């Protein structure tokens, strides 16, 4: 069990989706593999982001930082 799952729900890490991630990546001319390598993630994590998986805000932020000129506010949406 992860430590965060022991926290009360109002104190657990916020998870988001990233509806604009793929568009930002493509606009920067980067492949999923390139973003994964720069961010230190597997291609599978990048695919999860682009497929709308709800992920921890830090995961999306770290992956987004690999995209030059990214605007995290346009990439990340609060997940439901």
PDB file of N, CA and C in Angstrom:
ATOM      1  N   UNK A   1       0.843  -1.173   0.000  1.00  0.00           N
ATOM      2  CA  UNK A   1       0.000   0.000   0.000  1.00  0.00           C
ATOM      3  C   UNK A   1       0.889   1.238   0.000  1.00  0.00           C
ATOM      4  N   UNK A   2       0.570   2.180  -0.831  1.00  0.00           N
ATOM      5  CA  UNK A   2       1.327   3.425  -0.896  1.00  0.00           C
ATOM      6  C   UNK A   2       1.010   4.288   0.314  1.00  0.00           C
ATOM      7  N   UNK A   3       2.004   5.034   0.739  1.00  0.00           N
ATOM      8  CA  UNK A   3       1.826   5.906   1.900  1.00  0.00           C
ATOM      9  C   UNK A   3       0.710   6.909   1.679  1.00  0.00           C
ATOM     10  N   UNK A   4       0.563   7.422   0.458  1.00  0.00           N
ATOM     11  CA  UNK A   4      -0.465   8.430   0.196  1.00  0.00           C
ATOM     12  C   UNK A   4      -1.868   7.857   0.359  1.00  0.00           C
ATOM     13  N   UNK A   5      -2.030   6.538   0.179  1.00  0.00           N
ATOM     14  CA  UNK A   5      -3.356   5.949   0.318  1.00  0.00           C
ATOM     15  C   UNK A   5      -3.787   5.872   1.775  1.00  0.00           C
ATOM     16  N   UNK A   6      -2.853   6.058   2.706  1.00  0.00           N
ATOM     17  CA  UNK A   6      -3.179   6.055   4.131  1.00  0.00           C
ATOM     18  C   UNK A   6      -3.660   7.423   4.603  1.00  0.00           C
ATOM     19  N   UNK A   7      -3.495   8.429   3.764  1.00  0.00           N
ATOM     20  CA  UNK A   7      -3.910   9.784   4.126  1.00  0.00           C
ATOM     21  C   UNK A   7      -5.423   9.926   3.976  1.00  0.00           C
ATOM     22  N   UNK A   8      -6.031  10.809   4.756  1.00  0.00           N
ATOM     23  CA  UNK A   8      -7.450  11.104   4.521  1.00  0.00           C
ATOM     24  C   UNK A   8      -7.628  11.624   3.092  1.00  0.00           C
ATOM     25  N   UNK A   9      -8.767  11.374   2.502  1.00  0.00           N
ATOM     26  CA  UNK A   9      -8.972  11.719   1.093  1.00  0.00           C
ATOM     27  C   UNK A   9      -8.685  13.176   0.781  1.00  0.00           C
ATOM     28  N   UNK A  10      -8.981  14.092   1.698  1.00  0.00           N
ATOM     29  CA  UNK A  10      -8.736  15.507   1.414  1.00  0.00           C
ATOM     30  C   UNK A  10      -7.257  15.866   1.433  1.00  0.00           C
ATOM     31  N   UNK A  11      -6.398  14.951   1.901  1.00  0.00           N
ATOM     32  CA  UNK A  11      -4.967  15.223   1.950  1.00  0.00           C
ATOM     33  C   UNK A  11      -4.174  14.373   0.959  1.00  0.00           C
ATOM     34  N   UNK A  12      -4.852  13.555   0.171  1.00  0.00           N
ATOM     35  CA  UNK A  12      -4.159  12.724  -0.808  1.00  0.00           C
ATOM     36  C   UNK A  12      -3.697  13.575  -1.982  1.00  0.00           C
ATOM     37  N   UNK A  13      -2.624  13.138  -2.665  1.00  0.00           N
ATOM     38  CA  UNK A  13      -2.153  13.898  -3.837  1.00  0.00           C
ATOM     39  C   UNK A  13      -3.252  14.041  -4.884  1.00  0.00           C
ATOM     40  N   UNK A  14      -3.307  15.197  -5.482  1.00  0.00           N
ATOM     41  CA  UNK A  14      -4.323  15.467  -6.499  1.00  0.00           C
ATOM     42  C   UNK A  14      -3.918  14.797  -7.809  1.00  0.00           C
ATOM     43  N   UNK A  15      -4.886  14.168  -8.447  1.00  0.00           N
ATOM     44  CA  UNK A  15      -4.639  13.549  -9.749  1.00  0.00           C
ATOM     45  C   UNK A  15      -5.336  14.364 -10.823  1.00  0.00           C
ATOM     46  N   UNK A  16      -4.683  14.442 -11.959  1.00  0.00           N
ATOM     47  CA  UNK A  16      -5.173  15.245 -13.078  1.00  0.00           C
ATOM     48  C   UNK A  16      -5.164  14.419 -14.356  1.00  0.00           C
ATOM     49  N   UNK A  17      -5.845  14.925 -15.348  1.00  0.00           N
ATOM     50  CA  UNK A  17      -5.696  14.433 -16.710  1.00  0.00           C
ATOM     51  C   UNK A  17      -4.955  15.528 -17.476  1.00  0.00           C
ATOM     52  N   UNK A  18      -4.493  15.190 -18.662  1.00  0.00           N
ATOM     53  CA  UNK A  18      -3.711  16.157 -19.435  1.00  0.00           C
ATOM     54  C   UNK A  18      -4.188  16.173 -20.876  1.00  0.00           C
ATOM     55  N   UNK A  19      -5.341  16.769 -21.088  1.00  0.00           N
ATOM     56  CA  UNK A  19      -5.958  16.748 -22.411  1.00  0.00           C
ATOM     57  C   UNK A  19      -5.130  17.452 -23.481  1.00  0.00           C
ATOM     58  N   UNK A  20      -4.313  18.407 -23.107  1.00  0.00           N
ATOM     59  CA  UNK A  20      -3.523  19.139 -24.090  1.00  0.00           C
ATOM     60  C   UNK A  20      -2.096  18.635 -24.263  1.00  0.00           C
ATOM     61  N   UNK A  21      -1.755  17.546 -23.576  1.00  0.00           N
ATOM     62  CA  UNK A  21      -0.378  17.064 -23.606  1.00  0.00           C
ATOM     63  C   UNK A  21       0.067  16.638 -25.008  1.00  0.00           C
ATOM     64  N   UNK A  22      -0.724  15.828 -25.656  1.00  0.00           N
ATOM     65  CA  UNK A  22      -0.346  15.326 -26.980  1.00  0.00           C
ATOM     66  C   UNK A  22      -0.200  16.476 -27.977  1.00  0.00           C
ATOM     67  N   UNK A  23      -1.118  17.426 -27.951  1.00  0.00           N
ATOM     68  CA  UNK A  23      -1.042  18.559 -28.871  1.00  0.00           C
ATOM     69  C   UNK A  23       0.233  19.371 -28.618  1.00  0.00           C
ATOM     70  N   UNK A  24       0.575  19.590 -27.345  1.00  0.00           N
ATOM     71  CA  UNK A  24       1.789  20.345 -27.017  1.00  0.00           C
ATOM     72  C   UNK A  24       3.033  19.578 -27.470  1.00  0.00           C
ATOM     73  N   UNK A  25       3.028  18.266 -27.259  1.00  0.00           N
ATOM     74  CA  UNK A  25       4.165  17.434 -27.670  1.00  0.00           C
ATOM     75  C   UNK A  25       4.340  17.479 -29.179  1.00  0.00           C
ATOM     76  N   UNK A  26       3.245  17.309 -29.915  1.00  0.00           N
ATOM     77  CA  UNK A  26       3.315  17.315 -31.372  1.00  0.00           C
ATOM     78  C   UNK A  26       3.715  18.691 -31.901  1.00  0.00           C
ATOM     79  N   UNK A  27       3.210  19.754 -31.287  1.00  0.00           N
ATOM     80  CA  UNK A  27       3.566  21.111 -31.715  1.00  0.00           C
ATOM     81  C   UNK A  27       5.056  21.378 -31.526  1.00  0.00           C
ATOM     82  N   UNK A  28       5.655  20.728 -30.528  1.00  0.00           N
ATOM     83  CA  UNK A  28       7.090  20.879 -30.290  1.00  0.00           C
ATOM     84  C   UNK A  28       7.912  19.949 -31.179  1.00  0.00           C
ATOM     85  N   UNK A  29       7.228  19.106 -31.965  1.00  0.00           N
ATOM     86  CA  UNK A  29       7.921  18.196 -32.868  1.00  0.00           C
ATOM     87  C   UNK A  29       8.615  17.045 -32.160  1.00  0.00           C
ATOM     88  N   UNK A  30       8.085  16.633 -31.025  1.00  0.00           N
ATOM     89  CA  UNK A  30       8.696  15.551 -30.254  1.00  0.00           C
ATOM     90  C   UNK A  30       7.854  14.282 -30.322  1.00  0.00           C
ATOM     91  N   UNK A  31       8.521  13.150 -30.288  1.00  0.00           N
ATOM     92  CA  UNK A  31       7.823  11.869 -30.219  1.00  0.00           C
ATOM     93  C   UNK A  31       7.581  11.511 -28.760  1.00  0.00           C
ATOM     94  N   UNK A  32       6.728  10.537 -28.534  1.00  0.00           N
ATOM     95  CA  UNK A  32       6.514  10.050 -27.171  1.00  0.00           C
ATOM     96  C   UNK A  32       7.829   9.552 -26.578  1.00  0.00           C
ATOM     97  N   UNK A  33       8.616   8.856 -27.371  1.00  0.00           N
ATOM     98  CA  UNK A  33       9.894   8.315 -26.895  1.00  0.00           C
ATOM     99  C   UNK A  33      10.857   9.430 -26.489  1.00  0.00           C
ATOM    100  N   UNK A  34      10.874  10.507 -27.251  1.00  0.00           N
ATOM    101  CA  UNK A  34      11.764  11.623 -26.917  1.00  0.00           C
ATOM    102  C   UNK A  34      11.355  12.278 -25.598  1.00  0.00           C
ATOM    103  N   UNK A  35      10.055  12.506 -25.422  1.00  0.00           N
ATOM    104  CA  UNK A  35       9.575  13.108 -24.181  1.00  0.00           C
ATOM    105  C   UNK A  35       9.859  12.179 -23.009  1.00  0.00           C
ATOM    106  N   UNK A  36       9.632  10.895 -23.205  1.00  0.00           N
ATOM    107  CA  UNK A  36       9.890   9.919 -22.144  1.00  0.00           C
ATOM    108  C   UNK A  36      11.357   9.937 -21.723  1.00  0.00           C
ATOM    109  N   UNK A  37      12.249   9.960 -22.684  1.00  0.00           N
ATOM    110  CA  UNK A  37      13.680   9.958 -22.377  1.00  0.00           C
ATOM    111  C   UNK A  37      14.088  11.231 -21.627  1.00  0.00           C
ATOM    112  N   UNK A  38      13.623  12.377 -22.094  1.00  0.00           N
ATOM    113  CA  UNK A  38      13.975  13.651 -21.460  1.00  0.00           C
ATOM    114  C   UNK A  38      13.422  13.709 -20.028  1.00  0.00           C
ATOM    115  N   UNK A  39      12.187  13.252 -19.845  1.00  0.00           N
ATOM    116  CA  UNK A  39      11.527  13.348 -18.544  1.00  0.00           C
ATOM    117  C   UNK A  39      11.937  12.231 -17.590  1.00  0.00           C
ATOM    118  N   UNK A  40      12.541  11.180 -18.120  1.00  0.00           N
ATOM    119  CA  UNK A  40      12.930  10.059 -17.274  1.00  0.00           C
ATOM    120  C   UNK A  40      11.796   9.092 -16.984  1.00  0.00           C
ATOM    121  N   UNK A  41      10.845   9.011 -17.896  1.00  0.00           N
ATOM    122  CA  UNK A  41       9.724   8.084 -17.773  1.00  0.00           C
ATOM    123  C   UNK A  41       9.769   7.083 -18.908  1.00  0.00           C
ATOM    124  N   UNK A  42       8.958   6.045 -18.782  1.00  0.00           N
ATOM    125  CA  UNK A  42       8.820   5.090 -19.878  1.00  0.00           C
ATOM    126  C   UNK A  42       7.846   5.666 -20.906  1.00  0.00           C
ATOM    127  N   UNK A  43       7.897   5.125 -22.103  1.00  0.00           N
ATOM    128  CA  UNK A  43       6.951   5.545 -23.143  1.00  0.00           C
ATOM    129  C   UNK A  43       5.529   5.218 -22.692  1.00  0.00           C
ATOM    130  N   UNK A  44       5.379   4.157 -21.919  1.00  0.00           N
ATOM    131  CA  UNK A  44       4.059   3.775 -21.411  1.00  0.00           C
ATOM    132  C   UNK A  44       3.428   4.850 -20.550  1.00  0.00           C
ATOM    133  N   UNK A  45       4.216   5.526 -19.734  1.00  0.00           N
ATOM    134  CA  UNK A  45       3.683   6.610 -18.900  1.00  0.00           C
ATOM    135  C   UNK A  45       3.226   7.763 -19.781  1.00  0.00           C
ATOM    136  N   UNK A  46       4.025   8.083 -20.793  1.00  0.00           N
ATOM    137  CA  UNK A  46       3.634   9.168 -21.711  1.00  0.00           C
ATOM    138  C   UNK A  46       2.342   8.791 -22.431  1.00  0.00           C
ATOM    139  N   UNK A  47       2.222   7.544 -22.845  1.00  0.00           N
ATOM    140  CA  UNK A  47       0.987   7.082 -23.496  1.00  0.00           C
ATOM    141  C   UNK A  47      -0.200   7.168 -22.542  1.00  0.00           C
ATOM    142  N   UNK A  48       0.001   6.844 -21.267  1.00  0.00           N
ATOM    143  CA  UNK A  48      -1.074   6.962 -20.287  1.00  0.00           C
ATOM    144  C   UNK A  48      -1.531   8.414 -20.159  1.00  0.00           C
ATOM    145  N   UNK A  49      -0.592   9.322 -20.140  1.00  0.00           N
ATOM    146  CA  UNK A  49      -0.937  10.742 -20.061  1.00  0.00           C
ATOM    147  C   UNK A  49      -1.792  11.132 -21.258  1.00  0.00           C
ATOM    148  N   UNK A  50      -1.359  10.727 -22.443  1.00  0.00           N
ATOM    149  CA  UNK A  50      -2.073  11.104 -23.667  1.00  0.00           C
ATOM    150  C   UNK A  50      -3.410  10.389 -23.813  1.00  0.00           C
ATOM    151  N   UNK A  51      -3.564   9.247 -23.161  1.00  0.00           N
ATOM    152  CA  UNK A  51      -4.823   8.495 -23.239  1.00  0.00           C
ATOM    153  C   UNK A  51      -5.820   8.886 -22.163  1.00  0.00           C
ATOM    154  N   UNK A  52      -5.489   9.928 -21.392  1.00  0.00           N
ATOM    155  CA  UNK A  52      -6.443  10.446 -20.426  1.00  0.00           C
ATOM    156  C   UNK A  52      -6.435   9.778 -19.067  1.00  0.00           C
ATOM    157  N   UNK A  53      -5.409   8.999 -18.758  1.00  0.00           N
ATOM    158  CA  UNK A  53      -5.305   8.408 -17.426  1.00  0.00           C
ATOM    159  C   UNK A  53      -5.150   9.513 -16.397  1.00  0.00           C
ATOM    160  N   UNK A  54      -5.775   9.339 -15.263  1.00  0.00           N
ATOM    161  CA  UNK A  54      -5.597  10.290 -14.160  1.00  0.00           C
ATOM    162  C   UNK A  54      -4.290   9.951 -13.465  1.00  0.00           C
ATOM    163  N   UNK A  55      -3.386  10.904 -13.452  1.00  0.00           N
ATOM    164  CA  UNK A  55      -2.069  10.699 -12.856  1.00  0.00           C
ATOM    165  C   UNK A  55      -1.773  11.813 -11.862  1.00  0.00           C
ATOM    166  N   UNK A  56      -0.828  11.535 -10.984  1.00  0.00           N
ATOM    167  CA  UNK A  56      -0.411  12.521  -9.990  1.00  0.00           C
ATOM    168  C   UNK A  56       0.050  13.797 -10.691  1.00  0.00           C
ATOM    169  N   UNK A  57      -0.258  14.916 -10.111  1.00  0.00           N
ATOM    170  CA  UNK A  57       0.083  16.201 -10.724  1.00  0.00           C
ATOM    171  C   UNK A  57       1.579  16.338 -10.986  1.00  0.00           C
ATOM    172  N   UNK A  58       2.418  15.763 -10.122  1.00  0.00           N
ATOM    173  CA  UNK A  58       3.861  15.854 -10.339  1.00  0.00           C
ATOM    174  C   UNK A  58       4.315  15.041 -11.549  1.00  0.00           C
ATOM    175  N   UNK A  59       3.660  13.927 -11.821  1.00  0.00           N
ATOM    176  CA  UNK A  59       3.997  13.124 -12.994  1.00  0.00           C
ATOM    177  C   UNK A  59       3.737  13.925 -14.262  1.00  0.00           C
ATOM    178  N   UNK A  60       2.576  14.547 -14.325  1.00  0.00           N
ATOM    179  CA  UNK A  60       2.226  15.341 -15.508  1.00  0.00           C
ATOM    180  C   UNK A  60       3.145  16.551 -15.623  1.00  0.00           C
ATOM    181  N   UNK A  61       3.413  17.197 -14.517  1.00  0.00           N
ATOM    182  CA  UNK A  61       4.292  18.360 -14.530  1.00  0.00           C
ATOM    183  C   UNK A  61       5.695  17.990 -15.004  1.00  0.00           C
ATOM    184  N   UNK A  62       6.228  16.897 -14.496  1.00  0.00           N
ATOM    185  CA  UNK A  62       7.579  16.459 -14.885  1.00  0.00           C
ATOM    186  C   UNK A  62       7.626  16.092 -16.365  1.00  0.00           C
ATOM    187  N   UNK A  63       6.634  15.365 -16.835  1.00  0.00           N
ATOM    188  CA  UNK A  63       6.602  14.991 -18.250  1.00  0.00           C
ATOM    189  C   UNK A  63       6.451  16.235 -19.126  1.00  0.00           C
ATOM    190  N   UNK A  64       5.620  17.174 -18.691  1.00  0.00           N
ATOM    191  CA  UNK A  64       5.401  18.399 -19.459  1.00  0.00           C
ATOM    192  C   UNK A  64       6.648  19.263 -19.540  1.00  0.00           C
ATOM    193  N   UNK A  65       7.477  19.191 -18.516  1.00  0.00           N
ATOM    194  CA  UNK A  65       8.687  20.011 -18.509  1.00  0.00           C
ATOM    195  C   UNK A  65       9.655  19.612 -19.619  1.00  0.00           C
ATOM    196  N   UNK A  66       9.464  18.441 -20.204  1.00  0.00           N
ATOM    197  CA  UNK A  66      10.299  17.994 -21.315  1.00  0.00           C
ATOM    198  C   UNK A  66       9.888  18.649 -22.636  1.00  0.00           C
ATOM    199  N   UNK A  67       8.747  19.318 -22.647  1.00  0.00           N
ATOM    200  CA  UNK A  67       8.237  19.955 -23.861  1.00  0.00           C
ATOM    201  C   UNK A  67       8.643  21.428 -23.829  1.00  0.00           C
ATOM    202  N   UNK A  68       9.512  21.838 -24.744  1.00  0.00           N
ATOM    203  CA  UNK A  68       9.943  23.243 -24.756  1.00  0.00           C
ATOM    204  C   UNK A  68       8.761  24.193 -24.939  1.00  0.00           C
ATOM    205  N   UNK A  69       8.735  25.247 -24.147  1.00  0.00           N
ATOM    206  CA  UNK A  69       7.687  26.256 -24.280  1.00  0.00           C
ATOM    207  C   UNK A  69       6.311  25.788 -23.842  1.00  0.00           C
ATOM    208  N   UNK A  70       6.261  24.714 -23.076  1.00  0.00           N
ATOM    209  CA  UNK A  70       4.948  24.206 -22.655  1.00  0.00           C
ATOM    210  C   UNK A  70       4.270  25.174 -21.703  1.00  0.00           C
ATOM    211  N   UNK A  71       2.964  25.127 -21.687  1.00  0.00           N
ATOM    212  CA  UNK A  71       2.166  25.901 -20.747  1.00  0.00           C
ATOM    213  C   UNK A  71       1.342  24.887 -19.974  1.00  0.00           C
ATOM    214  N   UNK A  72       1.784  24.590 -18.759  1.00  0.00           N
ATOM    215  CA  UNK A  72       1.133  23.551 -17.967  1.00  0.00           C
ATOM    216  C   UNK A  72      -0.348  23.835 -17.754  1.00  0.00           C
ATOM    217  N   UNK A  73      -0.715  25.097 -17.660  1.00  0.00           N
ATOM    218  CA  UNK A  73      -2.123  25.450 -17.472  1.00  0.00           C
ATOM    219  C   UNK A  73      -2.973  24.997 -18.659  1.00  0.00           C
ATOM    220  N   UNK A  74      -2.397  24.940 -19.848  1.00  0.00           N
ATOM    221  CA  UNK A  74      -3.135  24.507 -21.034  1.00  0.00           C
ATOM    222  C   UNK A  74      -3.068  23.005 -21.230  1.00  0.00           C
ATOM    223  N   UNK A  75      -2.091  22.359 -20.602  1.00  0.00           N
ATOM    224  CA  UNK A  75      -1.908  20.920 -20.753  1.00  0.00           C
ATOM    225  C   UNK A  75      -2.760  20.159 -19.736  1.00  0.00           C
ATOM    226  N   UNK A  76      -2.730  20.600 -18.498  1.00  0.00           N
ATOM    227  CA  UNK A  76      -3.323  19.840 -17.392  1.00  0.00           C
ATOM    228  C   UNK A  76      -4.732  20.299 -17.086  1.00  0.00           C
ATOM    229  N   UNK A  77      -5.605  19.342 -16.907  1.00  0.00           N
ATOM    230  CA  UNK A  77      -6.989  19.587 -16.494  1.00  0.00           C
ATOM    231  C   UNK A  77      -7.237  18.825 -15.210  1.00  0.00           C
ATOM    232  N   UNK A  78      -8.024  19.401 -14.341  1.00  0.00           N
ATOM    233  CA  UNK A  78      -8.326  18.690 -13.105  1.00  0.00           C
ATOM    234  C   UNK A  78      -9.158  17.467 -13.425  1.00  0.00           C
ATOM    235  N   UNK A  79      -8.716  16.323 -12.946  1.00  0.00           N
ATOM    236  CA  UNK A  79      -9.447  15.075 -13.167  1.00  0.00           C
ATOM    237  C   UNK A  79     -10.664  14.994 -12.270  1.00  0.00           C
ATOM    238  N   UNK A  80     -11.607  14.201 -12.700  1.00  0.00           N
ATOM    239  CA  UNK A  80     -12.818  14.054 -11.888  1.00  0.00           C
ATOM    240  C   UNK A  80     -12.768  12.783 -11.097  1.00  0.00           C
TER     241      UNK A  80
END
